[in-house]
Amino acid sequence: MTPEQQRIAIAEACGWVHRPEHDVEFNTPAGRVAPESWRIDYPNGDCTVACEQGLPDYLNCLNAMHEAEKILKPGQDIATYLVTLCSITKQATGYVSPTFATSSQRAEAFLRTIGKWKD
């Protein structure tokens, strides 16, 4: 998978929805067409729209991956994720080091765990 494909797959798994173009009302009843964006709606009714800043940078930001990891279900998902992450870090470094895994390694393990990784 390309980095952009990985980033999009993680974002979609976390609840982000792509909106190629959408009508947005700005002070006019007719509104206007807004540029492409991504949107996530939170259970408490809040929403976030990513336009200029784009989606979180899951492959380069440990904080973004930490937020993504929160959607894994306790038990089997987390166990599978940790086993997969150990395997990835061992292949990359020669030893098992999930604590020091990069955000890119975590992203791959995450996508493999949720069944979204494509070779």
C-alpha atoms as a PDB file:
ATOM      1  CA  MET A   1       0.000   0.000   0.000  1.00  0.00           C
ATOM      2  CA  THR A   2       1.165   3.511  -0.689  1.00  0.00           C
ATOM      3  CA  PRO A   3       1.476   5.869   2.265  1.00  0.00           C
ATOM      4  CA  GLU A   4      -1.586   7.815   1.075  1.00  0.00           C
ATOM      5  CA  GLN A   5      -3.647   4.598   0.761  1.00  0.00           C
ATOM      6  CA  GLN A   6      -2.621   3.656   4.303  1.00  0.00           C
ATOM      7  CA  ARG A   7      -3.504   7.084   5.624  1.00  0.00           C
ATOM      8  CA  ILE A   8      -6.937   7.014   3.995  1.00  0.00           C
ATOM      9  CA  ALA A   9      -7.683   3.453   5.167  1.00  0.00           C
ATOM     10  CA  ILE A  10      -6.809   4.353   8.773  1.00  0.00           C
ATOM     11  CA  ALA A  11      -8.861   7.553   8.595  1.00  0.00           C
ATOM     12  CA  GLU A  12     -11.894   5.674   7.273  1.00  0.00           C
ATOM     13  CA  ALA A  13     -11.522   3.035  10.011  1.00  0.00           C
ATOM     14  CA  CYS A  14     -11.505   5.867  12.563  1.00  0.00           C
ATOM     15  CA  GLY A  15     -14.742   7.322  11.182  1.00  0.00           C
ATOM     16  CA  TRP A  16     -13.548   9.962   8.727  1.00  0.00           C
ATOM     17  CA  VAL A  17     -15.823  10.288   5.686  1.00  0.00           C
ATOM     18  CA  HIS A  18     -14.629  11.698   2.361  1.00  0.00           C
ATOM     19  CA  ARG A  19     -16.733  14.438   0.828  1.00  0.00           C
ATOM     20  CA  PRO A  20     -15.439  15.233  -2.686  1.00  0.00           C
ATOM     21  CA  GLU A  21     -17.556  18.376  -2.914  1.00  0.00           C
ATOM     22  CA  HIS A  22     -20.434  19.477  -0.773  1.00  0.00           C
ATOM     23  CA  ASP A  23     -22.757  22.420  -0.410  1.00  0.00           C
ATOM     24  CA  VAL A  24     -21.913  24.667   2.475  1.00  0.00           C
ATOM     25  CA  GLU A  25     -23.945  27.657   3.514  1.00  0.00           C
ATOM     26  CA  PHE A  26     -21.926  30.757   4.196  1.00  0.00           C
ATOM     27  CA  ASN A  27     -24.137  33.825   4.906  1.00  0.00           C
ATOM     28  CA  THR A  28     -26.134  33.266   1.695  1.00  0.00           C
ATOM     29  CA  PRO A  29     -29.263  31.174   1.272  1.00  0.00           C
ATOM     30  CA  ALA A  30     -27.870  29.612  -1.905  1.00  0.00           C
ATOM     31  CA  GLY A  31     -24.596  28.610  -0.304  1.00  0.00           C
ATOM     32  CA  ARG A  32     -21.705  27.574  -2.503  1.00  0.00           C
ATOM     33  CA  VAL A  33     -19.754  24.453  -3.339  1.00  0.00           C
ATOM     34  CA  ALA A  34     -16.955  23.911  -0.848  1.00  0.00           C
ATOM     35  CA  PRO A  35     -13.693  22.193  -1.745  1.00  0.00           C
ATOM     36  CA  GLU A  36     -13.008  18.547  -1.123  1.00  0.00           C
ATOM     37  CA  SER A  37     -12.852  17.684   2.553  1.00  0.00           C
ATOM     38  CA  TRP A  38     -12.989  14.924   5.127  1.00  0.00           C
ATOM     39  CA  ARG A  39     -15.368  14.968   8.089  1.00  0.00           C
ATOM     40  CA  ILE A  40     -15.659  13.010  11.302  1.00  0.00           C
ATOM     41  CA  ASP A  41     -18.718  13.103  13.561  1.00  0.00           C
ATOM     42  CA  TYR A  42     -18.204  12.313  17.225  1.00  0.00           C
ATOM     43  CA  PRO A  43     -20.809  10.544  19.389  1.00  0.00           C
ATOM     44  CA  ASN A  44     -21.339  13.694  21.491  1.00  0.00           C
ATOM     45  CA  GLY A  45     -22.523  15.583  18.389  1.00  0.00           C
ATOM     46  CA  ASP A  46     -19.295  17.471  17.730  1.00  0.00           C
ATOM     47  CA  CYS A  47     -17.685  17.241  14.324  1.00  0.00           C
ATOM     48  CA  THR A  48     -14.337  18.062  12.812  1.00  0.00           C
ATOM     49  CA  VAL A  49     -13.718  18.918   9.177  1.00  0.00           C
ATOM     50  CA  ALA A  50     -10.269  18.485   7.653  1.00  0.00           C
ATOM     51  CA  CYS A  51      -9.840  20.750   4.625  1.00  0.00           C
ATOM     52  CA  GLU A  52      -6.591  22.645   4.368  1.00  0.00           C
ATOM     53  CA  GLN A  53      -4.819  20.717   7.111  1.00  0.00           C
ATOM     54  CA  GLY A  54      -5.914  17.357   5.687  1.00  0.00           C
ATOM     55  CA  LEU A  55      -6.235  14.090   7.546  1.00  0.00           C
ATOM     56  CA  PRO A  56      -4.077  13.158  10.522  1.00  0.00           C
ATOM     57  CA  ASP A  57      -0.571  12.082   9.507  1.00  0.00           C
ATOM     58  CA  TYR A  58      -0.833   8.544  10.884  1.00  0.00           C
ATOM     59  CA  LEU A  59       2.402   7.305   9.307  1.00  0.00           C
ATOM     60  CA  ASN A  60       4.587  10.035  10.807  1.00  0.00           C
ATOM     61  CA  CYS A  61       2.827  11.029  14.030  1.00  0.00           C
ATOM     62  CA  LEU A  62       2.717   8.779  17.099  1.00  0.00           C
ATOM     63  CA  ASN A  63      -0.065  10.920  18.587  1.00  0.00           C
ATOM     64  CA  ALA A  64      -2.261  10.312  15.531  1.00  0.00           C
ATOM     65  CA  MET A  65      -1.594   6.563  15.694  1.00  0.00           C
ATOM     66  CA  HIS A  66      -2.368   6.568  19.412  1.00  0.00           C
ATOM     67  CA  GLU A  67      -5.798   8.016  18.607  1.00  0.00           C
ATOM     68  CA  ALA A  68      -6.331   5.375  15.890  1.00  0.00           C
ATOM     69  CA  GLU A  69      -5.331   2.552  18.248  1.00  0.00           C
ATOM     70  CA  LYS A  70      -8.174   3.576  20.555  1.00  0.00           C
ATOM     71  CA  ILE A  71     -10.731   2.105  18.146  1.00  0.00           C
ATOM     72  CA  LEU A  72      -9.321  -1.409  18.572  1.00  0.00           C
ATOM     73  CA  LYS A  73     -11.603  -3.578  20.650  1.00  0.00           C
ATOM     74  CA  PRO A  74     -10.263  -4.827  23.982  1.00  0.00           C
ATOM     75  CA  GLY A  75      -9.223  -8.454  23.915  1.00  0.00           C
ATOM     76  CA  GLN A  76      -8.709 -10.120  20.569  1.00  0.00           C
ATOM     77  CA  ASP A  77      -8.131  -6.968  18.472  1.00  0.00           C
ATOM     78  CA  ILE A  78      -5.488  -5.618  20.826  1.00  0.00           C
ATOM     79  CA  ALA A  79      -3.810  -9.022  21.228  1.00  0.00           C
ATOM     80  CA  THR A  80      -3.701  -9.483  17.450  1.00  0.00           C
ATOM     81  CA  TYR A  81      -2.390  -5.938  17.021  1.00  0.00           C
ATOM     82  CA  LEU A  82       0.439  -6.502  19.509  1.00  0.00           C
ATOM     83  CA  VAL A  83       1.465  -9.823  17.952  1.00  0.00           C
ATOM     84  CA  THR A  84       1.444  -8.232  14.496  1.00  0.00           C
ATOM     85  CA  LEU A  85       3.394  -5.215  15.730  1.00  0.00           C
ATOM     86  CA  CYS A  86       6.007  -7.489  17.324  1.00  0.00           C
ATOM     87  CA  SER A  87       6.385  -9.349  14.032  1.00  0.00           C
ATOM     88  CA  ILE A  88       6.817  -6.105  12.071  1.00  0.00           C
ATOM     89  CA  THR A  89       9.394  -4.657  14.463  1.00  0.00           C
ATOM     90  CA  LYS A  90      11.348  -7.927  14.470  1.00  0.00           C
ATOM     91  CA  GLN A  91      11.484  -7.916  10.663  1.00  0.00           C
ATOM     92  CA  ALA A  92      12.643  -4.284  10.626  1.00  0.00           C
ATOM     93  CA  THR A  93      15.153  -4.329  13.484  1.00  0.00           C
ATOM     94  CA  GLY A  94      16.012  -7.963  14.170  1.00  0.00           C
ATOM     95  CA  TYR A  95      14.510  -7.856  17.638  1.00  0.00           C
ATOM     96  CA  VAL A  96      11.033  -7.472  19.093  1.00  0.00           C
ATOM     97  CA  SER A  97      10.442  -3.883  20.156  1.00  0.00           C
ATOM     98  CA  PRO A  98       6.752  -2.903  20.139  1.00  0.00           C
ATOM     99  CA  THR A  99       7.348  -0.139  22.693  1.00  0.00           C
ATOM    100  CA  PHE A 100       9.667   1.691  20.319  1.00  0.00           C
ATOM    101  CA  ALA A 101       7.728   0.944  17.126  1.00  0.00           C
ATOM    102  CA  THR A 102       7.522   3.833  14.692  1.00  0.00           C
ATOM    103  CA  SER A 103       4.199   5.324  13.705  1.00  0.00           C
ATOM    104  CA  SER A 104       4.634   3.750  10.256  1.00  0.00           C
ATOM    105  CA  GLN A 105       5.102   0.295  11.807  1.00  0.00           C
ATOM    106  CA  ARG A 106       2.079   0.869  14.030  1.00  0.00           C
ATOM    107  CA  ALA A 107       0.034   1.928  11.001  1.00  0.00           C
ATOM    108  CA  GLU A 108       0.862  -1.296   9.157  1.00  0.00           C
ATOM    109  CA  ALA A 109       0.067  -3.427  12.216  1.00  0.00           C
ATOM    110  CA  PHE A 110      -3.192  -1.531  12.713  1.00  0.00           C
ATOM    111  CA  LEU A 111      -4.304  -2.060   9.111  1.00  0.00           C
ATOM    112  CA  ARG A 112      -3.350  -5.750   9.197  1.00  0.00           C
ATOM    113  CA  THR A 113      -5.304  -6.171  12.450  1.00  0.00           C
ATOM    114  CA  ILE A 114      -8.502  -4.667  11.059  1.00  0.00           C
ATOM    115  CA  GLY A 115      -8.138  -6.523   7.733  1.00  0.00           C
ATOM    116  CA  LYS A 116      -7.517  -3.447   5.570  1.00  0.00           C
ATOM    117  CA  TRP A 117      -3.881  -4.077   4.580  1.00  0.00           C
ATOM    118  CA  LYS A 118      -3.316  -4.756   0.886  1.00  0.00           C
ATOM    119  CA  ASP A 119      -0.030  -6.141  -0.443  1.00  0.00           C
END
